[in-house]
Amino acid sequence: MEKQGKILLISTYESGFQSIGVSIAANYFSQVNIEFDILDISLDETISIEKISSYDLVGFYLPMFHCMEFALDVTKKISKNENHPQFFYFGLYSDIYSQTLSEFSDQCCQVNFFIFR
């Protein structure tokens, strides 16, 4: 079996409350034995770009419109690093703004849903 990279799921809105979108993604990764971490960036005013950059794959949950700007700002900062992670965006607004997200980075994708078995 191939070694899995480090994955970070980022909640952008819930301010410490459990995010249903991040919970669904976390549940999926747990079911298929993929290790991950979760970060609520709506609680932390001093985001460690170096720490986030240490992951191989970073997913932003976008449940509301105003989360887009926040997530894209963090992504821009992280993308300045030479060895930045790949990004993915999920949640209602990842679908609505898929064109904007795809233009933003050559290393990003949009996830509309997670499949459960």
Protein backbone atom coordinates (compact mmCIF):
# COMPACT_ATOMS: atom_id res chain seq x y z
CA MET A 1 0.00 0.00 0.00
CA GLU A 2 1.24 3.48 -0.89
CA LYS A 3 2.12 5.85 1.91
CA GLN A 4 -0.57 8.52 2.31
CA GLY A 5 0.38 12.20 2.39
CA LYS A 6 -0.55 14.53 5.21
CA ILE A 7 -4.07 15.97 4.84
CA LEU A 8 -5.52 19.05 6.54
CA LEU A 9 -9.24 19.86 6.55
CA ILE A 10 -9.92 23.53 7.24
CA SER A 11 -13.16 24.87 8.64
CA THR A 12 -13.62 28.49 7.56
CA TYR A 13 -16.83 29.57 9.26
CA GLU A 14 -18.13 27.71 12.30
CA SER A 15 -16.16 29.58 15.00
CA GLY A 16 -15.51 26.54 17.12
CA PHE A 17 -18.81 24.75 16.55
CA GLN A 18 -18.61 21.37 14.88
CA SER A 19 -18.81 21.79 11.12
CA ILE A 20 -21.10 19.31 9.37
CA GLY A 21 -19.11 19.56 6.14
CA VAL A 22 -15.76 18.97 7.79
CA SER A 23 -17.32 16.19 9.88
CA ILE A 24 -18.54 14.42 6.75
CA ALA A 25 -15.10 14.67 5.14
CA ALA A 26 -13.42 13.52 8.35
CA ASN A 27 -15.80 10.57 8.60
CA TYR A 28 -15.00 9.53 5.04
CA PHE A 29 -11.23 9.73 5.59
CA SER A 30 -11.59 7.75 8.82
CA GLN A 31 -13.59 5.03 7.07
CA VAL A 32 -10.88 4.54 4.45
CA ASN A 33 -8.04 4.76 7.01
CA ILE A 34 -6.54 8.04 5.82
CA GLU A 35 -4.95 10.18 8.50
CA PHE A 36 -5.87 13.85 8.63
CA ASP A 37 -5.92 16.91 10.88
CA ILE A 38 -8.62 19.56 11.30
CA LEU A 39 -8.12 23.29 11.78
CA ASP A 40 -10.77 25.95 12.42
CA ILE A 41 -9.21 29.09 10.97
CA SER A 42 -12.18 31.22 12.01
CA LEU A 43 -10.85 30.96 15.59
CA ASP A 44 -7.18 31.66 14.98
CA GLU A 45 -6.16 35.20 14.08
CA THR A 46 -2.52 34.18 13.62
CA ILE A 47 -2.59 31.45 11.00
CA SER A 48 0.72 29.61 10.66
CA ILE A 49 1.38 29.55 6.94
CA GLU A 50 4.44 27.38 7.56
CA LYS A 51 2.39 24.81 9.46
CA ILE A 52 -0.34 24.66 6.81
CA SER A 53 2.34 24.47 4.09
CA SER A 54 3.75 21.33 5.70
CA TYR A 55 0.69 19.34 4.54
CA ASP A 56 0.50 17.59 1.17
CA LEU A 57 -3.21 18.23 0.67
CA VAL A 58 -5.32 21.03 2.19
CA GLY A 59 -9.10 21.12 1.91
CA PHE A 60 -11.18 24.23 2.63
CA TYR A 61 -14.83 23.82 3.59
CA LEU A 62 -16.84 26.70 2.03
CA PRO A 63 -20.39 26.73 3.43
CA MET A 64 -20.99 30.49 3.02
CA PHE A 65 -20.08 33.19 0.49
CA HIS A 66 -17.83 35.20 2.80
CA CYS A 67 -15.69 32.09 3.44
CA MET A 68 -14.43 32.27 -0.15
CA GLU A 69 -12.38 35.42 0.37
CA PHE A 70 -10.89 34.08 3.59
CA ALA A 71 -9.97 30.71 2.04
CA LEU A 72 -8.53 32.31 -1.11
CA ASP A 73 -6.48 34.74 0.98
CA VAL A 74 -4.96 31.88 2.96
CA THR A 75 -4.40 29.89 -0.27
CA LYS A 76 -2.60 32.87 -1.86
CA LYS A 77 -0.28 33.16 1.13
CA ILE A 78 0.47 29.42 1.15
CA SER A 79 0.98 29.31 -2.63
CA LYS A 80 3.93 31.68 -2.33
CA ASN A 81 5.95 28.86 -0.76
CA GLU A 82 7.90 26.80 -3.26
CA ASN A 83 6.69 23.46 -1.91
CA HIS A 84 3.08 24.38 -1.25
CA PRO A 85 0.41 21.69 -0.89
CA GLN A 86 -2.32 20.86 -3.34
CA PHE A 87 -5.70 22.39 -2.49
CA PHE A 88 -9.27 21.26 -2.70
CA TYR A 89 -12.47 23.09 -1.86
CA PHE A 90 -15.76 21.57 -0.79
CA GLY A 91 -19.14 22.74 0.37
CA LEU A 92 -21.97 24.69 -1.23
CA TYR A 93 -19.84 27.61 -2.40
CA SER A 94 -17.13 25.44 -3.91
CA ASP A 95 -19.73 24.35 -6.44
CA ILE A 96 -21.17 27.82 -7.04
CA TYR A 97 -17.70 29.36 -7.50
CA SER A 98 -15.95 26.41 -9.16
CA GLN A 99 -14.79 28.59 -12.08
CA THR A 100 -13.15 31.12 -9.75
CA LEU A 101 -11.48 28.35 -7.77
CA SER A 102 -10.18 26.58 -10.87
CA GLU A 103 -8.68 29.82 -12.21
CA PHE A 104 -7.03 30.51 -8.89
CA SER A 105 -4.53 27.70 -8.83
CA ASP A 106 -3.12 25.05 -11.11
CA GLN A 107 -3.10 22.73 -8.12
CA CYS A 108 -6.69 22.85 -6.94
CA CYS A 109 -9.82 20.85 -7.39
CA GLN A 110 -13.41 21.05 -6.28
CA VAL A 111 -15.17 18.25 -4.44
CA ASN A 112 -18.97 18.28 -4.59
CA PHE A 113 -19.54 15.40 -2.20
CA PHE A 114 -17.99 12.42 -0.47
CA ILE A 115 -19.19 8.93 -1.27
CA PHE A 116 -19.99 6.62 1.62
CA ARG A 117 -20.18 2.84 1.40
